[in-house]
Protein backbone atom coordinates (compact mmCIF):
# COMPACT_ATOMS: atom_id res chain seq x y z
CA MET A 1 28.70 -19.61 -3.20
CA LEU A 2 26.56 -17.10 -5.00
CA THR A 3 26.79 -13.49 -4.12
CA LYS A 4 23.89 -11.14 -3.73
CA ASN A 5 24.48 -9.63 -7.19
CA ASP A 6 24.49 -13.00 -8.59
CA LEU A 7 21.16 -13.74 -7.08
CA GLN A 8 19.65 -10.50 -8.37
CA GLN A 9 20.83 -11.37 -11.94
CA ILE A 10 19.38 -14.88 -11.62
CA LYS A 11 16.06 -13.39 -10.35
CA ALA A 12 15.93 -10.86 -13.25
CA ILE A 13 16.46 -13.49 -15.89
CA VAL A 14 13.88 -15.79 -14.34
CA LYS A 15 11.33 -12.93 -13.96
CA THR A 16 12.05 -12.05 -17.71
CA GLU A 17 11.58 -15.70 -18.87
CA VAL A 18 8.41 -16.23 -16.62
CA ASN A 19 6.80 -13.04 -17.97
CA GLY A 20 7.53 -13.98 -21.53
CA ALA A 21 5.89 -17.24 -21.20
CA ILE A 22 2.92 -15.99 -19.49
CA GLN A 23 2.38 -13.29 -22.21
CA SER A 24 2.72 -15.90 -24.90
CA GLN A 25 0.23 -18.05 -23.38
CA VAL A 26 -2.42 -15.45 -22.56
CA PRO A 27 -4.10 -13.79 -25.73
CA PRO A 28 -4.38 -10.07 -25.85
CA ILE A 29 -8.24 -10.28 -25.87
CA VAL A 30 -8.06 -11.93 -22.50
CA THR A 31 -5.85 -9.42 -20.94
CA GLY A 32 -8.00 -6.58 -22.28
CA ILE A 33 -11.01 -8.08 -20.72
CA LEU A 34 -9.25 -8.55 -17.54
CA GLN A 35 -8.08 -5.02 -17.45
CA LYS A 36 -11.65 -3.75 -18.22
CA GLU A 37 -13.03 -5.91 -15.42
CA LEU A 38 -10.38 -4.60 -13.04
CA LYS A 39 -11.03 -0.95 -13.62
CA PRO A 40 -13.99 -0.67 -11.01
CA VAL A 41 -11.93 -2.69 -8.53
CA LYS A 42 -9.10 -0.31 -8.90
CA LYS A 43 -11.53 2.65 -8.37
CA ASP A 44 -12.99 1.17 -5.29
CA LEU A 45 -9.46 0.67 -3.97
CA LYS A 46 -8.46 4.09 -4.56
CA LYS A 47 -11.70 5.31 -2.53
CA ILE A 48 -11.06 2.96 0.20
CA ARG A 49 -7.37 4.24 0.40
CA ARG A 50 -8.51 7.81 0.63
CA ASP A 51 -11.13 7.03 3.14
CA LEU A 52 -8.67 5.18 5.11
CA GLU A 53 -6.19 8.21 4.94
CA PHE A 54 -8.94 10.44 6.13
CA ALA A 55 -9.83 8.28 9.12
CA VAL A 56 -6.20 8.00 10.15
CA GLY A 57 -5.84 11.71 9.86
CA VAL A 58 -9.05 12.21 12.16
CA LEU A 59 -7.76 9.69 14.75
CA ASP A 60 -4.28 11.28 14.70
CA ARG A 61 -5.78 14.75 15.18
CA ASP A 62 -7.98 13.45 17.98
CA ARG A 63 -5.13 11.78 19.78
CA TRP A 64 -3.05 14.90 19.49
CA LYS A 65 -5.92 16.89 21.37
CA VAL A 66 -6.19 14.31 24.03
CA GLU A 67 -2.53 14.32 24.55
CA LYS A 68 -2.70 18.01 24.86
CA ARG A 69 -5.42 17.89 27.30
CA VAL A 70 -3.52 15.24 29.40
CA GLU A 71 -0.55 17.71 29.42
CA VAL A 72 -2.60 20.55 30.74
CA LEU A 73 -4.31 18.27 33.35
CA GLU A 74 -0.98 16.92 34.42
CA HIS A 75 0.43 20.39 34.77
CA GLN A 76 -2.56 21.57 36.84
CA ALA A 77 -2.13 18.45 38.97
CA GLN A 78 1.50 19.30 39.68
CA VAL A 79 0.69 22.84 40.76
CA VAL A 80 -1.89 21.95 43.19
């Protein structure tokens, strides 16, 4: 029976071997071209992530305001 530690060691060895095999098969020129082509995609992803974080922040703030209004209205309803 393999332990968790054994499986982690096997995973590390396999990952090292696979990465080495991939790097030996792909010429550096191709990796350079791929990285150059991926730069605009990475930039777009960063912008999307910022926009999403902004939108979530706005929604959280609006939700907080609505919760406060509901609390006030519930309190006023209890008083009456």
